[in-house]
Amino acid sequence: MNNFSMKDIVRILPKEYRIEGFSDSISFNNVRPIEEANDESLVWIKGKKENKQELVEKTNAKVIICDKSLLISPALKERKCFIIVDDPKLIFLRIAEQLFGRKKKYGIHTSAVIDPEAEISPNCYIGPMTYIGKSKIGDNTFIDGNCYIYDDVTIGNNVTVQAGTVIGSEGYGYQRNEKLEFEKFPHIGGVIIEDNVDIGSNTSIDRGALGNTIIKEGAKIDNLVHVAHNVVIGRHSAVIANAMLGGSVVIADYSWVAPSASILNQIVIGENVTIGMGAVVTKNVPDGETWAGIPAKPLKEFIEAQKAIKKLTQQ
């Protein structure tokens, strides 16, 4: 087990940081939640956490990343080292990833099935029992086991696809004929996944019907998400577990779709939008707004409606 000192993390720290307490003998060899730390742990504490002072007093950790709101007494300085930054969680995750993160491996597992026409970078990983069709896989991309990547899928660089995910299957598109029977709409488009995208386990991303389904740079998709045909997810947007995006939904950049939210076909979600947990979105959402509820509405309206319902139930 490696022991790390201040010199190992100073290159990861932001330009503006401050050290309080004994830093010369700083040493840690693991990262843990502050409640579970031992005396060789590196931990962080949220600035807005109500009981942060109590946690810091009680924790066994001797190296703590915090913000300037924490009250650091002379007695604490004698026992612990405090690394003071503006965003403790961000700096902690960078240190944890670089020093303790899972090291990427490269190569194709012997049980994987690869189409002869697939274009796969030599610097990527294809896990056990995964199938890759006539598609392109970029550099430093990690595709875990039991995934199924259909034809006409382009996956960029530094992409992670967790186990059990399916990319490029046909979407749900039908038209009733004169006998009221369903006839399937052709799905002849593809899927484009740009660089630095993360996709969780058991997620399904459908191919486009005529055009492409597009996941733009830096987007993050959680486990158990359904992305229908021709959806566009913007740069650095996030779609969280059990969410459902209907066909041709467009989500602009830097937006957040919370767990179990459902977005109706052809809805446009603006930039820097937050969709609340379990919301059902049936209307376009303008830039910068937060919507919640069933059907979803602006947060202020949702709160007012909840208050009105509460009053009615108390009468």
C-alpha atoms as a PDB file:
ATOM      1  CA  MET A   1       0.000   0.000   0.000  1.00  0.00           C
ATOM      2  CA  ASN A   2       1.506   3.317  -1.115  1.00  0.00           C
ATOM      3  CA  ASN A   3       1.878   6.197   1.309  1.00  0.00           C
ATOM      4  CA  PHE A   4       1.382   9.657  -0.172  1.00  0.00           C
ATOM      5  CA  SER A   5       2.633  12.993   1.081  1.00  0.00           C
ATOM      6  CA  MET A   6       2.024  16.668   0.328  1.00  0.00           C
ATOM      7  CA  LYS A   7       4.434  16.571  -2.601  1.00  0.00           C
ATOM      8  CA  ASP A   8       2.255  13.916  -4.279  1.00  0.00           C
ATOM      9  CA  ILE A   9      -0.855  16.109  -4.303  1.00  0.00           C
ATOM     10  CA  VAL A  10       0.463  19.655  -4.609  1.00  0.00           C
ATOM     11  CA  ARG A  11       0.467  19.375  -8.414  1.00  0.00           C
ATOM     12  CA  ILE A  12      -3.248  18.472  -8.302  1.00  0.00           C
ATOM     13  CA  LEU A  13      -4.255  21.358  -6.033  1.00  0.00           C
ATOM     14  CA  PRO A  14      -5.671  24.577  -7.534  1.00  0.00           C
ATOM     15  CA  LYS A  15      -3.545  27.724  -7.785  1.00  0.00           C
ATOM     16  CA  GLU A  16      -5.245  29.167  -4.738  1.00  0.00           C
ATOM     17  CA  TYR A  17      -5.160  26.953  -1.661  1.00  0.00           C
ATOM     18  CA  ARG A  18      -4.092  27.255   1.979  1.00  0.00           C
ATOM     19  CA  ILE A  19      -2.665  24.786   4.464  1.00  0.00           C
ATOM     20  CA  GLU A  20      -3.579  24.894   8.159  1.00  0.00           C
ATOM     21  CA  GLY A  21      -2.039  22.512  10.656  1.00  0.00           C
ATOM     22  CA  PHE A  22       0.940  20.186  10.409  1.00  0.00           C
ATOM     23  CA  SER A  23       1.746  19.662   6.750  1.00  0.00           C
ATOM     24  CA  ASP A  24       5.377  18.528   6.947  1.00  0.00           C
ATOM     25  CA  SER A  25       4.446  15.061   8.154  1.00  0.00           C
ATOM     26  CA  ILE A  26       1.260  14.670   6.101  1.00  0.00           C
ATOM     27  CA  SER A  27       0.743  11.057   5.055  1.00  0.00           C
ATOM     28  CA  PHE A  28      -2.218   9.006   3.799  1.00  0.00           C
ATOM     29  CA  ASN A  29      -2.734   5.748   1.932  1.00  0.00           C
ATOM     30  CA  ASN A  30      -6.503   5.593   1.378  1.00  0.00           C
ATOM     31  CA  VAL A  31      -9.583   7.723   0.713  1.00  0.00           C
ATOM     32  CA  ARG A  32     -12.820   7.155   2.652  1.00  0.00           C
ATOM     33  CA  PRO A  33     -15.992   8.899   3.820  1.00  0.00           C
ATOM     34  CA  ILE A  34     -15.161  11.114   6.785  1.00  0.00           C
ATOM     35  CA  GLU A  35     -17.296   8.970   9.135  1.00  0.00           C
ATOM     36  CA  GLU A  36     -15.402   5.787   8.179  1.00  0.00           C
ATOM     37  CA  ALA A  37     -11.867   7.167   7.997  1.00  0.00           C
ATOM     38  CA  ASN A  38      -8.846   5.821   9.811  1.00  0.00           C
ATOM     39  CA  ASP A  39      -5.731   7.747  10.757  1.00  0.00           C
ATOM     40  CA  GLU A  40      -4.213   7.157   7.300  1.00  0.00           C
ATOM     41  CA  SER A  41      -7.214   8.430   5.294  1.00  0.00           C
ATOM     42  CA  LEU A  42      -7.631  11.497   3.120  1.00  0.00           C
ATOM     43  CA  VAL A  43     -11.174  12.906   3.468  1.00  0.00           C
ATOM     44  CA  TRP A  44     -13.236  15.931   2.465  1.00  0.00           C
ATOM     45  CA  ILE A  45     -16.034  17.833   4.164  1.00  0.00           C
ATOM     46  CA  LYS A  46     -18.892  19.702   2.493  1.00  0.00           C
ATOM     47  CA  GLY A  47     -19.001  23.401   3.362  1.00  0.00           C
ATOM     48  CA  LYS A  48     -22.796  23.380   3.826  1.00  0.00           C
ATOM     49  CA  LYS A  49     -22.917  20.219   5.943  1.00  0.00           C
ATOM     50  CA  GLU A  50     -24.693  21.055   9.190  1.00  0.00           C
ATOM     51  CA  ASN A  51     -22.605  18.901  11.530  1.00  0.00           C
ATOM     52  CA  LYS A  52     -19.257  19.476   9.828  1.00  0.00           C
ATOM     53  CA  GLN A  53     -17.531  20.748  12.977  1.00  0.00           C
ATOM     54  CA  GLU A  54     -18.567  17.661  14.927  1.00  0.00           C
ATOM     55  CA  LEU A  55     -17.468  15.347  12.114  1.00  0.00           C
ATOM     56  CA  VAL A  56     -14.066  16.992  11.866  1.00  0.00           C
ATOM     57  CA  GLU A  57     -13.570  16.746  15.627  1.00  0.00           C
ATOM     58  CA  LYS A  58     -14.488  13.047  15.720  1.00  0.00           C
ATOM     59  CA  THR A  59     -12.919  11.725  12.520  1.00  0.00           C
ATOM     60  CA  ASN A  60      -9.754   9.654  12.744  1.00  0.00           C
ATOM     61  CA  ALA A  61      -8.515  11.200   9.491  1.00  0.00           C
ATOM     62  CA  LYS A  62      -5.541  13.498   9.821  1.00  0.00           C
ATOM     63  CA  VAL A  63      -5.738  15.035   6.335  1.00  0.00           C
ATOM     64  CA  ILE A  64      -8.935  16.921   5.533  1.00  0.00           C
ATOM     65  CA  ILE A  65      -9.898  18.916   2.452  1.00  0.00           C
ATOM     66  CA  CYS A  66     -12.346  21.684   3.350  1.00  0.00           C
ATOM     67  CA  ASP A  67     -13.401  25.229   2.490  1.00  0.00           C
ATOM     68  CA  LYS A  68     -12.813  28.413   4.492  1.00  0.00           C
ATOM     69  CA  SER A  69     -16.153  28.150   6.317  1.00  0.00           C
ATOM     70  CA  LEU A  70     -14.758  25.458   8.633  1.00  0.00           C
ATOM     71  CA  LEU A  71     -13.631  26.766  12.040  1.00  0.00           C
ATOM     72  CA  ILE A  72     -10.144  25.380  12.636  1.00  0.00           C
ATOM     73  CA  SER A  73      -9.129  25.739  16.275  1.00  0.00           C
ATOM     74  CA  PRO A  74      -5.513  25.711  17.489  1.00  0.00           C
ATOM     75  CA  ALA A  75      -6.189  22.298  19.054  1.00  0.00           C
ATOM     76  CA  LEU A  76      -7.304  20.888  15.669  1.00  0.00           C
ATOM     77  CA  LYS A  77      -4.215  22.326  13.972  1.00  0.00           C
ATOM     78  CA  GLU A  78      -2.026  20.376  16.374  1.00  0.00           C
ATOM     79  CA  ARG A  79      -3.667  17.059  15.395  1.00  0.00           C
ATOM     80  CA  LYS A  80      -4.687  17.433  11.762  1.00  0.00           C
ATOM     81  CA  CYS A  81      -3.755  18.977   8.448  1.00  0.00           C
ATOM     82  CA  PHE A  82      -6.393  21.038   6.599  1.00  0.00           C
ATOM     83  CA  ILE A  83      -6.164  21.751   2.885  1.00  0.00           C
ATOM     84  CA  ILE A  84      -8.439  24.744   2.291  1.00  0.00           C
ATOM     85  CA  VAL A  85      -9.857  25.219  -1.209  1.00  0.00           C
ATOM     86  CA  ASP A  86     -12.991  26.739  -2.771  1.00  0.00           C
ATOM     87  CA  ASP A  87     -14.450  23.405  -3.933  1.00  0.00           C
ATOM     88  CA  PRO A  88     -13.415  20.549  -1.598  1.00  0.00           C
ATOM     89  CA  LYS A  89     -15.349  17.824  -3.428  1.00  0.00           C
ATOM     90  CA  LEU A  90     -13.819  18.690  -6.799  1.00  0.00           C
ATOM     91  CA  ILE A  91     -10.259  18.691  -5.480  1.00  0.00           C
ATOM     92  CA  PHE A  92     -10.865  15.493  -3.494  1.00  0.00           C
ATOM     93  CA  LEU A  93     -12.174  13.629  -6.529  1.00  0.00           C
ATOM     94  CA  ARG A  94      -9.196  14.737  -8.618  1.00  0.00           C
ATOM     95  CA  ILE A  95      -6.760  13.454  -5.993  1.00  0.00           C
ATOM     96  CA  ALA A  96      -8.722  10.237  -5.498  1.00  0.00           C
ATOM     97  CA  GLU A  97      -8.903   9.562  -9.234  1.00  0.00           C
ATOM     98  CA  GLN A  98      -5.233  10.197  -9.899  1.00  0.00           C
ATOM     99  CA  LEU A  99      -3.856   8.343  -6.886  1.00  0.00           C
ATOM    100  CA  PHE A 100      -6.459   5.610  -6.297  1.00  0.00           C
ATOM    101  CA  GLY A 101      -8.573   5.397  -9.465  1.00  0.00           C
ATOM    102  CA  ARG A 102      -9.003   2.202 -11.450  1.00  0.00           C
ATOM    103  CA  LYS A 103      -6.187   1.945 -13.934  1.00  0.00           C
ATOM    104  CA  LYS A 104      -7.402   1.460 -17.500  1.00  0.00           C
ATOM    105  CA  LYS A 105      -6.449  -1.694 -19.315  1.00  0.00           C
ATOM    106  CA  TYR A 106      -6.283  -2.172 -23.057  1.00  0.00           C
ATOM    107  CA  GLY A 107      -7.046  -5.011 -25.388  1.00  0.00           C
ATOM    108  CA  ILE A 108      -9.903  -7.190 -26.582  1.00  0.00           C
ATOM    109  CA  HIS A 109     -11.114 -10.024 -24.376  1.00  0.00           C
ATOM    110  CA  THR A 110     -10.912 -13.439 -26.001  1.00  0.00           C
ATOM    111  CA  SER A 111     -14.667 -13.989 -25.617  1.00  0.00           C
ATOM    112  CA  ALA A 112     -15.615 -10.701 -27.347  1.00  0.00           C
ATOM    113  CA  VAL A 113     -17.062 -10.923 -30.865  1.00  0.00           C
ATOM    114  CA  ILE A 114     -15.853  -8.275 -33.306  1.00  0.00           C
ATOM    115  CA  ASP A 115     -17.173  -7.765 -36.834  1.00  0.00           C
ATOM    116  CA  PRO A 116     -14.296  -7.909 -39.360  1.00  0.00           C
ATOM    117  CA  GLU A 117     -15.321  -4.477 -40.664  1.00  0.00           C
ATOM    118  CA  ALA A 118     -15.235  -2.809 -37.253  1.00  0.00           C
ATOM    119  CA  GLU A 119     -12.626  -0.068 -36.797  1.00  0.00           C
ATOM    120  CA  ILE A 120     -11.208  -0.294 -33.300  1.00  0.00           C
ATOM    121  CA  SER A 121      -8.355   1.772 -31.914  1.00  0.00           C
ATOM    122  CA  PRO A 122      -5.493  -0.321 -30.525  1.00  0.00           C
ATOM    123  CA  ASN A 123      -5.608   1.779 -27.344  1.00  0.00           C
ATOM    124  CA  CYS A 124      -9.032   0.731 -26.074  1.00  0.00           C
ATOM    125  CA  TYR A 125     -10.633  -2.089 -24.104  1.00  0.00           C
ATOM    126  CA  ILE A 126     -13.438  -4.450 -25.169  1.00  0.00           C
ATOM    127  CA  GLY A 127     -14.698  -6.622 -22.315  1.00  0.00           C
ATOM    128  CA  PRO A 128     -15.840 -10.249 -22.120  1.00  0.00           C
ATOM    129  CA  MET A 129     -18.883 -11.384 -24.117  1.00  0.00           C
ATOM    130  CA  THR A 130     -19.235  -7.981 -25.799  1.00  0.00           C
ATOM    131  CA  TYR A 131     -20.266  -7.724 -29.452  1.00  0.00           C
ATOM    132  CA  ILE A 132     -19.046  -4.949 -31.757  1.00  0.00           C
ATOM    133  CA  GLY A 133     -20.712  -4.607 -35.163  1.00  0.00           C
ATOM    134  CA  LYS A 134     -19.557  -2.580 -38.172  1.00  0.00           C
ATOM    135  CA  SER A 135     -18.755   0.414 -36.008  1.00  0.00           C
ATOM    136  CA  LYS A 136     -15.886   2.700 -34.992  1.00  0.00           C
ATOM    137  CA  ILE A 137     -14.361   2.752 -31.509  1.00  0.00           C
ATOM    138  CA  GLY A 138     -12.000   5.589 -30.614  1.00  0.00           C
ATOM    139  CA  ASP A 139      -8.795   5.897 -28.632  1.00  0.00           C
ATOM    140  CA  ASN A 140      -8.656   5.243 -24.879  1.00  0.00           C
ATOM    141  CA  THR A 141     -12.274   4.051 -24.867  1.00  0.00           C
ATOM    142  CA  PHE A 142     -13.430   1.417 -22.360  1.00  0.00           C
ATOM    143  CA  ILE A 143     -16.356  -0.889 -23.221  1.00  0.00           C
ATOM    144  CA  ASP A 144     -17.153  -3.328 -20.432  1.00  0.00           C
ATOM    145  CA  GLY A 145     -18.450  -6.883 -20.718  1.00  0.00           C
ATOM    146  CA  ASN A 146     -21.813  -8.045 -22.074  1.00  0.00           C
ATOM    147  CA  CYS A 147     -22.386  -4.923 -24.150  1.00  0.00           C
ATOM    148  CA  TYR A 148     -23.902  -5.007 -27.643  1.00  0.00           C
ATOM    149  CA  ILE A 149     -22.782  -2.344 -30.109  1.00  0.00           C
ATOM    150  CA  TYR A 150     -24.726  -2.589 -33.359  1.00  0.00           C
ATOM    151  CA  ASP A 151     -23.612  -1.515 -36.844  1.00  0.00           C
ATOM    152  CA  ASP A 152     -23.294   2.190 -37.708  1.00  0.00           C
ATOM    153  CA  VAL A 153     -22.247   3.310 -34.237  1.00  0.00           C
ATOM    154  CA  THR A 154     -19.376   5.778 -33.896  1.00  0.00           C
ATOM    155  CA  ILE A 155     -17.825   6.047 -30.434  1.00  0.00           C
ATOM    156  CA  GLY A 156     -15.192   8.727 -29.878  1.00  0.00           C
ATOM    157  CA  ASN A 157     -12.152   8.995 -27.628  1.00  0.00           C
ATOM    158  CA  ASN A 158     -12.068   8.588 -23.836  1.00  0.00           C
ATOM    159  CA  VAL A 159     -15.555   7.075 -23.687  1.00  0.00           C
ATOM    160  CA  THR A 160     -16.673   4.630 -20.995  1.00  0.00           C
ATOM    161  CA  VAL A 161     -19.532   2.168 -21.546  1.00  0.00           C
ATOM    162  CA  GLN A 162     -20.414   0.040 -18.537  1.00  0.00           C
ATOM    163  CA  ALA A 163     -21.563  -3.575 -18.584  1.00  0.00           C
ATOM    164  CA  GLY A 164     -24.811  -4.670 -20.182  1.00  0.00           C
ATOM    165  CA  THR A 165     -25.432  -1.562 -22.274  1.00  0.00           C
ATOM    166  CA  VAL A 166     -26.919  -1.752 -25.777  1.00  0.00           C
ATOM    167  CA  ILE A 167     -26.132   0.932 -28.353  1.00  0.00           C
ATOM    168  CA  GLY A 168     -27.690   1.136 -31.799  1.00  0.00           C
ATOM    169  CA  SER A 169     -30.731  -1.105 -31.492  1.00  0.00           C
ATOM    170  CA  GLU A 170     -33.878  -0.166 -33.415  1.00  0.00           C
ATOM    171  CA  GLY A 171     -36.228   2.265 -31.721  1.00  0.00           C
ATOM    172  CA  TYR A 172     -39.948   1.968 -31.160  1.00  0.00           C
ATOM    173  CA  GLY A 173     -41.549   3.478 -34.263  1.00  0.00           C
ATOM    174  CA  TYR A 174     -44.730   2.188 -35.919  1.00  0.00           C
ATOM    175  CA  GLN A 175     -47.571   3.389 -38.136  1.00  0.00           C
ATOM    176  CA  ARG A 176     -50.998   1.779 -38.318  1.00  0.00           C
ATOM    177  CA  ASN A 177     -52.059   0.696 -41.786  1.00  0.00           C
ATOM    178  CA  GLU A 178     -55.554   0.566 -43.314  1.00  0.00           C
ATOM    179  CA  LYS A 179     -56.249  -2.609 -41.330  1.00  0.00           C
ATOM    180  CA  LEU A 180     -55.178  -0.892 -38.094  1.00  0.00           C
ATOM    181  CA  GLU A 181     -52.173  -3.190 -37.958  1.00  0.00           C
ATOM    182  CA  PHE A 182     -48.765  -1.848 -36.998  1.00  0.00           C
ATOM    183  CA  GLU A 183     -46.096  -1.435 -39.643  1.00  0.00           C
ATOM    184  CA  LYS A 184     -42.572  -0.663 -38.431  1.00  0.00           C
ATOM    185  CA  PHE A 185     -40.938   2.624 -39.408  1.00  0.00           C
ATOM    186  CA  PRO A 186     -37.444   1.995 -40.833  1.00  0.00           C
ATOM    187  CA  HIS A 187     -34.542   2.714 -38.517  1.00  0.00           C
ATOM    188  CA  ILE A 188     -31.623   3.206 -40.868  1.00  0.00           C
ATOM    189  CA  GLY A 189     -29.760   5.941 -39.013  1.00  0.00           C
ATOM    190  CA  GLY A 190     -26.887   5.435 -36.613  1.00  0.00           C
ATOM    191  CA  VAL A 191     -25.544   6.567 -33.267  1.00  0.00           C
ATOM    192  CA  ILE A 192     -22.759   9.111 -32.748  1.00  0.00           C
ATOM    193  CA  ILE A 193     -21.113   9.287 -29.340  1.00  0.00           C
ATOM    194  CA  GLU A 194     -18.565  12.071 -29.081  1.00  0.00           C
ATOM    195  CA  ASP A 195     -15.434  12.264 -26.893  1.00  0.00           C
ATOM    196  CA  ASN A 196     -15.353  12.036 -23.078  1.00  0.00           C
ATOM    197  CA  VAL A 197     -18.833  10.553 -22.703  1.00  0.00           C
ATOM    198  CA  ASP A 198     -19.654   8.144 -19.849  1.00  0.00           C
ATOM    199  CA  ILE A 199     -22.535   5.660 -20.185  1.00  0.00           C
ATOM    200  CA  GLY A 200     -23.693   3.523 -17.266  1.00  0.00           C
ATOM    201  CA  SER A 201     -24.707  -0.119 -17.108  1.00  0.00           C
ATOM    202  CA  ASN A 202     -27.860  -1.612 -18.652  1.00  0.00           C
ATOM    203  CA  THR A 203     -28.652   1.534 -20.591  1.00  0.00           C
ATOM    204  CA  SER A 204     -30.251   1.442 -24.046  1.00  0.00           C
ATOM    205  CA  ILE A 205     -29.466   3.976 -26.779  1.00  0.00           C
ATOM    206  CA  ASP A 206     -31.499   3.538 -29.967  1.00  0.00           C
ATOM    207  CA  ARG A 207     -30.236   4.260 -33.449  1.00  0.00           C
ATOM    208  CA  GLY A 208     -31.800   7.098 -35.405  1.00  0.00           C
ATOM    209  CA  ALA A 209     -34.759   6.418 -37.675  1.00  0.00           C
ATOM    210  CA  LEU A 210     -33.456   8.435 -40.630  1.00  0.00           C
ATOM    211  CA  GLY A 211     -30.823  10.700 -39.076  1.00  0.00           C
ATOM    212  CA  ASN A 212     -28.581   9.883 -36.084  1.00  0.00           C
ATOM    213  CA  THR A 213     -28.955   9.701 -32.349  1.00  0.00           C
ATOM    214  CA  ILE A 214     -26.214  11.980 -30.997  1.00  0.00           C
ATOM    215  CA  ILE A 215     -24.562  12.081 -27.575  1.00  0.00           C
ATOM    216  CA  LYS A 216     -22.341  15.141 -27.528  1.00  0.00           C
ATOM    217  CA  GLU A 217     -18.968  15.722 -25.889  1.00  0.00           C
ATOM    218  CA  GLY A 218     -18.704  15.232 -22.150  1.00  0.00           C
ATOM    219  CA  ALA A 219     -22.295  14.052 -21.611  1.00  0.00           C
ATOM    220  CA  LYS A 220     -22.897  11.646 -18.725  1.00  0.00           C
ATOM    221  CA  ILE A 221     -25.600   8.984 -18.872  1.00  0.00           C
ATOM    222  CA  ASP A 222     -26.328   6.890 -15.788  1.00  0.00           C
ATOM    223  CA  ASN A 223     -27.474   3.278 -15.397  1.00  0.00           C
ATOM    224  CA  LEU A 224     -30.865   2.059 -16.667  1.00  0.00           C
ATOM    225  CA  VAL A 225     -31.543   5.032 -18.945  1.00  0.00           C
ATOM    226  CA  HIS A 226     -33.578   4.756 -22.147  1.00  0.00           C
ATOM    227  CA  VAL A 227     -32.530   7.049 -25.003  1.00  0.00           C
ATOM    228  CA  ALA A 228     -34.927   6.747 -27.942  1.00  0.00           C
ATOM    229  CA  HIS A 229     -34.248   7.251 -31.660  1.00  0.00           C
ATOM    230  CA  ASN A 230     -32.922  10.622 -32.888  1.00  0.00           C
ATOM    231  CA  VAL A 231     -32.378  12.025 -29.409  1.00  0.00           C
ATOM    232  CA  VAL A 232     -29.657  14.670 -29.071  1.00  0.00           C
ATOM    233  CA  ILE A 233     -27.995  15.085 -25.660  1.00  0.00           C
ATOM    234  CA  GLY A 234     -25.934  18.257 -25.423  1.00  0.00           C
ATOM    235  CA  ARG A 235     -22.401  18.862 -24.263  1.00  0.00           C
ATOM    236  CA  HIS A 236     -21.735  18.139 -20.583  1.00  0.00           C
ATOM    237  CA  SER A 237     -25.376  17.371 -19.857  1.00  0.00           C
ATOM    238  CA  ALA A 238     -26.365  14.577 -17.469  1.00  0.00           C
ATOM    239  CA  VAL A 239     -29.202  12.054 -17.616  1.00  0.00           C
ATOM    240  CA  ILE A 240     -29.586  10.097 -14.384  1.00  0.00           C
ATOM    241  CA  ALA A 241     -30.812   6.595 -13.542  1.00  0.00           C
ATOM    242  CA  ASN A 242     -34.149   5.296 -14.830  1.00  0.00           C
ATOM    243  CA  ALA A 243     -34.826   8.389 -16.940  1.00  0.00           C
ATOM    244  CA  MET A 244     -36.663   8.020 -20.274  1.00  0.00           C
ATOM    245  CA  LEU A 245     -36.059  10.281 -23.273  1.00  0.00           C
ATOM    246  CA  GLY A 246     -38.692   9.913 -26.004  1.00  0.00           C
ATOM    247  CA  GLY A 247     -37.951  10.008 -29.717  1.00  0.00           C
ATOM    248  CA  SER A 248     -36.341  13.171 -31.130  1.00  0.00           C
ATOM    249  CA  VAL A 249     -35.939  14.819 -27.709  1.00  0.00           C
ATOM    250  CA  VAL A 250     -33.259  17.511 -27.741  1.00  0.00           C
ATOM    251  CA  ILE A 251     -31.383  18.407 -24.567  1.00  0.00           C
ATOM    252  CA  ALA A 252     -29.100  21.422 -24.854  1.00  0.00           C
ATOM    253  CA  ASP A 253     -25.715  21.849 -23.159  1.00  0.00           C
ATOM    254  CA  TYR A 254     -25.068  21.750 -19.389  1.00  0.00           C
ATOM    255  CA  SER A 255     -28.512  20.454 -18.416  1.00  0.00           C
ATOM    256  CA  TRP A 256     -29.512  17.898 -15.786  1.00  0.00           C
ATOM    257  CA  VAL A 257     -32.264  15.284 -16.008  1.00  0.00           C
ATOM    258  CA  ALA A 258     -32.892  13.769 -12.572  1.00  0.00           C
ATOM    259  CA  PRO A 259     -33.699  10.106 -11.787  1.00  0.00           C
ATOM    260  CA  SER A 260     -36.926   8.600 -13.157  1.00  0.00           C
ATOM    261  CA  ALA A 261     -37.829  11.687 -15.213  1.00  0.00           C
ATOM    262  CA  SER A 262     -39.713  11.099 -18.478  1.00  0.00           C
ATOM    263  CA  ILE A 263     -39.548  13.461 -21.438  1.00  0.00           C
ATOM    264  CA  LEU A 264     -42.194  13.264 -24.153  1.00  0.00           C
ATOM    265  CA  ASN A 265     -41.269  12.801 -27.832  1.00  0.00           C
ATOM    266  CA  GLN A 266     -39.926  15.865 -29.676  1.00  0.00           C
ATOM    267  CA  ILE A 267     -39.588  18.022 -26.549  1.00  0.00           C
ATOM    268  CA  VAL A 268     -36.721  20.541 -26.470  1.00  0.00           C
ATOM    269  CA  ILE A 269     -34.907  21.069 -23.153  1.00  0.00           C
ATOM    270  CA  GLY A 270     -32.941  24.302 -23.087  1.00  0.00           C
ATOM    271  CA  GLU A 271     -29.415  25.026 -21.926  1.00  0.00           C
ATOM    272  CA  ASN A 272     -28.530  24.839 -18.226  1.00  0.00           C
ATOM    273  CA  VAL A 273     -31.929  23.359 -17.325  1.00  0.00           C
ATOM    274  CA  THR A 274     -32.731  21.113 -14.354  1.00  0.00           C
ATOM    275  CA  ILE A 275     -35.518  18.543 -14.639  1.00  0.00           C
ATOM    276  CA  GLY A 276     -36.614  17.298 -11.213  1.00  0.00           C
ATOM    277  CA  MET A 277     -36.837  13.727  -9.978  1.00  0.00           C
ATOM    278  CA  GLY A 278     -39.763  11.803 -11.426  1.00  0.00           C
ATOM    279  CA  ALA A 279     -40.951  14.738 -13.538  1.00  0.00           C
ATOM    280  CA  VAL A 280     -43.012  14.121 -16.673  1.00  0.00           C
ATOM    281  CA  VAL A 281     -42.100  16.775 -19.222  1.00  0.00           C
ATOM    282  CA  THR A 282     -44.763  17.495 -21.851  1.00  0.00           C
ATOM    283  CA  LYS A 283     -43.727  21.011 -22.915  1.00  0.00           C
ATOM    284  CA  ASN A 284     -40.510  22.641 -24.125  1.00  0.00           C
ATOM    285  CA  VAL A 285     -38.376  24.011 -21.281  1.00  0.00           C
ATOM    286  CA  PRO A 286     -36.615  27.406 -21.770  1.00  0.00           C
ATOM    287  CA  ASP A 287     -32.934  27.957 -20.957  1.00  0.00           C
ATOM    288  CA  GLY A 288     -31.891  28.202 -17.326  1.00  0.00           C
ATOM    289  CA  GLU A 289     -35.124  26.975 -15.723  1.00  0.00           C
ATOM    290  CA  THR A 290     -35.886  24.234 -13.184  1.00  0.00           C
ATOM    291  CA  TRP A 291     -39.049  22.188 -13.761  1.00  0.00           C
ATOM    292  CA  ALA A 292     -40.698  19.578 -11.540  1.00  0.00           C
ATOM    293  CA  GLY A 293     -43.924  17.617 -11.129  1.00  0.00           C
ATOM    294  CA  ILE A 294     -46.438  15.645 -13.191  1.00  0.00           C
ATOM    295  CA  PRO A 295     -46.937  17.199 -15.630  1.00  0.00           C
ATOM    296  CA  ALA A 296     -43.734  19.204 -15.165  1.00  0.00           C
ATOM    297  CA  LYS A 297     -43.975  22.956 -14.648  1.00  0.00           C
ATOM    298  CA  PRO A 298     -41.580  25.724 -13.555  1.00  0.00           C
ATOM    299  CA  LEU A 299     -40.384  25.133  -9.992  1.00  0.00           C
ATOM    300  CA  LYS A 300     -42.119  28.229  -8.599  1.00  0.00           C
ATOM    301  CA  GLU A 301     -45.470  27.083 -10.019  1.00  0.00           C
ATOM    302  CA  PHE A 302     -44.882  23.553  -8.747  1.00  0.00           C
ATOM    303  CA  ILE A 303     -44.198  24.777  -5.201  1.00  0.00           C
ATOM    304  CA  GLU A 304     -47.277  27.030  -5.247  1.00  0.00           C
ATOM    305  CA  ALA A 305     -49.430  24.116  -6.431  1.00  0.00           C
ATOM    306  CA  GLN A 306     -48.079  21.878  -3.664  1.00  0.00           C
ATOM    307  CA  LYS A 307     -48.872  24.539  -1.058  1.00  0.00           C
ATOM    308  CA  ALA A 308     -52.410  24.884  -2.416  1.00  0.00           C
ATOM    309  CA  ILE A 309     -52.936  21.124  -2.246  1.00  0.00           C
ATOM    310  CA  LYS A 310     -51.628  21.068   1.312  1.00  0.00           C
ATOM    311  CA  LYS A 311     -54.090  23.775   2.347  1.00  0.00           C
ATOM    312  CA  LEU A 312     -56.990  21.867   0.789  1.00  0.00           C
ATOM    313  CA  THR A 313     -56.075  18.659   2.619  1.00  0.00           C
ATOM    314  CA  GLN A 314     -55.867  20.527   5.957  1.00  0.00           C
ATOM    315  CA  GLN A 315     -59.349  22.023   5.697  1.00  0.00           C
END
